[in-house]
N, C-alpha and C. Protein backbone atom coordinates (compact mmCIF):
# COMPACT_ATOMS: atom_id res chain seq x y z
N GLN A 1 -24.45 7.90 7.64
CA GLN A 1 -23.17 8.57 7.39
C GLN A 1 -22.72 8.30 5.96
N GLU A 2 -22.21 9.33 5.32
CA GLU A 2 -21.66 9.17 3.99
C GLU A 2 -20.37 8.34 4.07
N SER A 3 -20.10 7.61 3.00
CA SER A 3 -18.88 6.80 2.99
C SER A 3 -17.66 7.72 2.88
N ILE A 4 -16.62 7.35 3.59
CA ILE A 4 -15.38 8.11 3.58
C ILE A 4 -14.26 7.18 3.12
N THR A 5 -13.51 7.63 2.13
CA THR A 5 -12.37 6.88 1.63
C THR A 5 -11.14 7.75 1.76
N LEU A 6 -10.06 7.15 2.19
CA LEU A 6 -8.83 7.87 2.48
C LEU A 6 -7.67 7.14 1.81
N PHE A 7 -7.01 7.83 0.88
CA PHE A 7 -5.78 7.29 0.28
C PHE A 7 -4.62 7.72 1.16
N THR A 8 -3.81 6.76 1.60
CA THR A 8 -2.68 7.07 2.50
C THR A 8 -1.45 6.28 2.06
N LYS A 9 -0.32 6.58 2.72
CA LYS A 9 0.84 5.72 2.59
C LYS A 9 1.48 5.60 3.97
N PRO A 10 2.16 4.47 4.22
CA PRO A 10 2.76 4.26 5.54
C PRO A 10 3.77 5.35 5.88
N GLY A 11 3.78 5.76 7.14
CA GLY A 11 4.76 6.73 7.62
C GLY A 11 4.48 8.17 7.27
N CYS A 12 3.29 8.44 6.72
CA CYS A 12 2.93 9.79 6.31
C CYS A 12 2.27 10.54 7.48
N PRO A 13 2.92 11.60 8.01
CA PRO A 13 2.36 12.30 9.17
C PRO A 13 1.03 13.00 8.85
N PHE A 14 0.86 13.48 7.63
CA PHE A 14 -0.40 14.14 7.26
C PHE A 14 -1.54 13.13 7.16
N CYS A 15 -1.19 11.90 6.75
CA CYS A 15 -2.18 10.83 6.71
C CYS A 15 -2.65 10.50 8.13
N ALA A 16 -1.69 10.41 9.05
CA ALA A 16 -2.01 10.12 10.45
C ALA A 16 -2.92 11.22 11.01
N LYS A 17 -2.63 12.46 10.64
CA LYS A 17 -3.44 13.59 11.11
C LYS A 17 -4.87 13.49 10.58
N ALA A 18 -5.01 13.15 9.30
CA ALA A 18 -6.35 13.03 8.71
C ALA A 18 -7.13 11.89 9.37
N LYS A 19 -6.46 10.76 9.61
CA LYS A 19 -7.13 9.63 10.27
C LYS A 19 -7.56 10.00 11.68
N LYS A 20 -6.71 10.76 12.39
CA LYS A 20 -7.03 11.20 13.74
C LYS A 20 -8.25 12.13 13.72
N THR A 21 -8.28 13.04 12.76
CA THR A 21 -9.42 13.96 12.62
C THR A 21 -10.72 13.19 12.46
N LEU A 22 -10.70 12.18 11.60
CA LEU A 22 -11.91 11.38 11.36
C LEU A 22 -12.28 10.56 12.60
N SER A 23 -11.28 9.93 13.21
CA SER A 23 -11.53 9.10 14.40
C SER A 23 -12.09 9.92 15.55
N GLU A 24 -11.54 11.13 15.75
CA GLU A 24 -12.02 11.99 16.83
C GLU A 24 -13.48 12.38 16.64
N ARG A 25 -13.95 12.36 15.40
CA ARG A 25 -15.35 12.68 15.11
C ARG A 25 -16.22 11.43 15.08
N GLY A 26 -15.61 10.29 15.41
CA GLY A 26 -16.36 9.03 15.44
C GLY A 26 -16.74 8.54 14.05
N LEU A 27 -15.99 8.96 13.03
CA LEU A 27 -16.30 8.58 11.66
C LEU A 27 -15.45 7.40 11.22
N SER A 28 -16.09 6.42 10.62
CA SER A 28 -15.34 5.29 10.09
C SER A 28 -14.98 5.58 8.64
N TYR A 29 -13.92 4.96 8.18
CA TYR A 29 -13.45 5.24 6.82
C TYR A 29 -12.78 4.00 6.25
N GLU A 30 -12.72 3.96 4.92
CA GLU A 30 -11.97 2.93 4.23
C GLU A 30 -10.61 3.53 3.90
N GLU A 31 -9.55 2.82 4.28
CA GLU A 31 -8.20 3.30 4.01
C GLU A 31 -7.61 2.52 2.85
N ILE A 32 -7.15 3.24 1.84
CA ILE A 32 -6.50 2.62 0.68
C ILE A 32 -5.03 2.99 0.74
N LEU A 33 -4.19 1.99 0.95
CA LEU A 33 -2.75 2.21 1.12
C LEU A 33 -2.03 2.19 -0.23
N LEU A 34 -1.33 3.27 -0.52
CA LEU A 34 -0.51 3.30 -1.72
C LEU A 34 0.63 2.31 -1.57
N GLY A 35 0.92 1.59 -2.62
CA GLY A 35 1.96 0.57 -2.58
C GLY A 35 1.43 -0.79 -2.19
N LYS A 36 0.22 -0.82 -1.63
CA LYS A 36 -0.40 -2.09 -1.26
C LYS A 36 -1.73 -2.27 -1.99
N ASP A 37 -2.64 -1.32 -1.78
CA ASP A 37 -3.97 -1.41 -2.37
C ASP A 37 -4.10 -0.64 -3.68
N ALA A 38 -3.22 0.31 -3.89
CA ALA A 38 -3.32 1.18 -5.06
C ALA A 38 -1.95 1.74 -5.38
N THR A 39 -1.83 2.35 -6.55
CA THR A 39 -0.58 2.98 -6.97
C THR A 39 -0.78 4.48 -7.06
N THR A 40 0.34 5.20 -7.16
CA THR A 40 0.27 6.65 -7.36
C THR A 40 -0.48 6.96 -8.65
N THR A 41 -0.32 6.11 -9.66
CA THR A 41 -1.01 6.30 -10.93
C THR A 41 -2.52 6.23 -10.75
N SER A 42 -2.99 5.25 -9.98
CA SER A 42 -4.44 5.14 -9.76
C SER A 42 -4.95 6.28 -8.90
N LEU A 43 -4.13 6.75 -7.95
CA LEU A 43 -4.53 7.91 -7.14
C LEU A 43 -4.70 9.13 -8.03
N ARG A 44 -3.76 9.35 -8.95
CA ARG A 44 -3.85 10.50 -9.86
C ARG A 44 -5.09 10.36 -10.76
N ALA A 45 -5.40 9.13 -11.15
CA ALA A 45 -6.57 8.91 -12.01
C ALA A 45 -7.87 9.31 -11.32
N VAL A 46 -7.99 9.03 -10.03
CA VAL A 46 -9.25 9.33 -9.34
C VAL A 46 -9.29 10.72 -8.71
N SER A 47 -8.12 11.28 -8.37
CA SER A 47 -8.14 12.56 -7.65
C SER A 47 -7.47 13.71 -8.39
N GLY A 48 -6.67 13.37 -9.41
CA GLY A 48 -5.90 14.41 -10.08
C GLY A 48 -4.67 14.82 -9.27
N GLN A 49 -4.43 14.15 -8.15
CA GLN A 49 -3.32 14.48 -7.25
C GLN A 49 -2.41 13.28 -7.11
N THR A 50 -1.17 13.53 -6.70
CA THR A 50 -0.25 12.43 -6.43
C THR A 50 0.23 12.44 -4.99
N THR A 51 -0.22 13.41 -4.20
CA THR A 51 0.18 13.48 -2.80
C THR A 51 -0.87 12.82 -1.91
N VAL A 52 -0.44 12.39 -0.74
CA VAL A 52 -1.37 11.80 0.22
C VAL A 52 -1.34 12.61 1.51
N PRO A 53 -2.40 12.59 2.30
CA PRO A 53 -3.62 11.84 2.02
C PRO A 53 -4.50 12.54 0.99
N GLN A 54 -5.40 11.77 0.39
CA GLN A 54 -6.49 12.32 -0.41
C GLN A 54 -7.76 11.73 0.18
N VAL A 55 -8.69 12.62 0.55
CA VAL A 55 -9.90 12.21 1.24
C VAL A 55 -11.10 12.41 0.32
N PHE A 56 -11.96 11.40 0.31
CA PHE A 56 -13.23 11.47 -0.41
C PHE A 56 -14.34 11.23 0.60
N ILE A 57 -15.35 12.10 0.59
CA ILE A 57 -16.52 11.92 1.46
C ILE A 57 -17.75 11.87 0.58
N GLY A 58 -18.49 10.74 0.68
CA GLY A 58 -19.66 10.57 -0.16
C GLY A 58 -19.33 10.63 -1.64
N GLY A 59 -18.13 10.16 -1.99
CA GLY A 59 -17.72 10.16 -3.38
C GLY A 59 -17.17 11.48 -3.88
N LYS A 60 -17.21 12.52 -3.04
CA LYS A 60 -16.72 13.85 -3.43
C LYS A 60 -15.28 14.02 -2.95
N HIS A 61 -14.42 14.49 -3.85
CA HIS A 61 -13.01 14.69 -3.49
C HIS A 61 -12.88 15.91 -2.59
N ILE A 62 -12.38 15.72 -1.37
CA ILE A 62 -12.19 16.81 -0.43
C ILE A 62 -10.78 17.37 -0.54
N GLY A 63 -9.77 16.48 -0.56
CA GLY A 63 -8.38 16.90 -0.66
C GLY A 63 -7.55 16.30 0.45
N GLY A 64 -6.51 17.03 0.87
CA GLY A 64 -5.58 16.56 1.88
C GLY A 64 -6.04 16.86 3.30
N SER A 65 -5.11 16.75 4.25
CA SER A 65 -5.48 16.90 5.67
C SER A 65 -5.94 18.32 5.99
N GLU A 66 -5.32 19.34 5.39
CA GLU A 66 -5.76 20.72 5.64
C GLU A 66 -7.16 20.96 5.07
N ALA A 67 -7.41 20.41 3.87
CA ALA A 67 -8.73 20.55 3.26
C ALA A 67 -9.79 19.82 4.10
N LEU A 68 -9.39 18.70 4.71
CA LEU A 68 -10.31 17.96 5.58
C LEU A 68 -10.66 18.79 6.81
N ASP A 69 -9.66 19.43 7.41
CA ASP A 69 -9.90 20.31 8.55
C ASP A 69 -10.85 21.44 8.16
N ALA A 70 -10.63 22.02 6.98
CA ALA A 70 -11.48 23.12 6.50
C ALA A 70 -12.90 22.62 6.25
N TYR A 71 -13.03 21.41 5.76
CA TYR A 71 -14.35 20.80 5.48
C TYR A 71 -15.17 20.74 6.76
N PHE A 72 -14.53 20.38 7.88
CA PHE A 72 -15.25 20.25 9.14
C PHE A 72 -15.33 21.57 9.92
N ALA A 73 -14.61 22.59 9.51
CA ALA A 73 -14.58 23.85 10.24
C ALA A 73 -15.92 24.59 10.13
């Protein structure tokens, strides 16, 4: 399985949705919490985005929860 990294922040419903999508597919992921493990500045540096979630699969930037759904569709 390719590595999956997920930038999230606490209390984010779209983050919860993305994590649920991955879990339902039996996929494990590394979760990077904004405010704890990373900052919005570092998120923008790696993804060009400041919103969460931001999902990376195999090092490739997928995007947010809707983009993740589209990726698996």
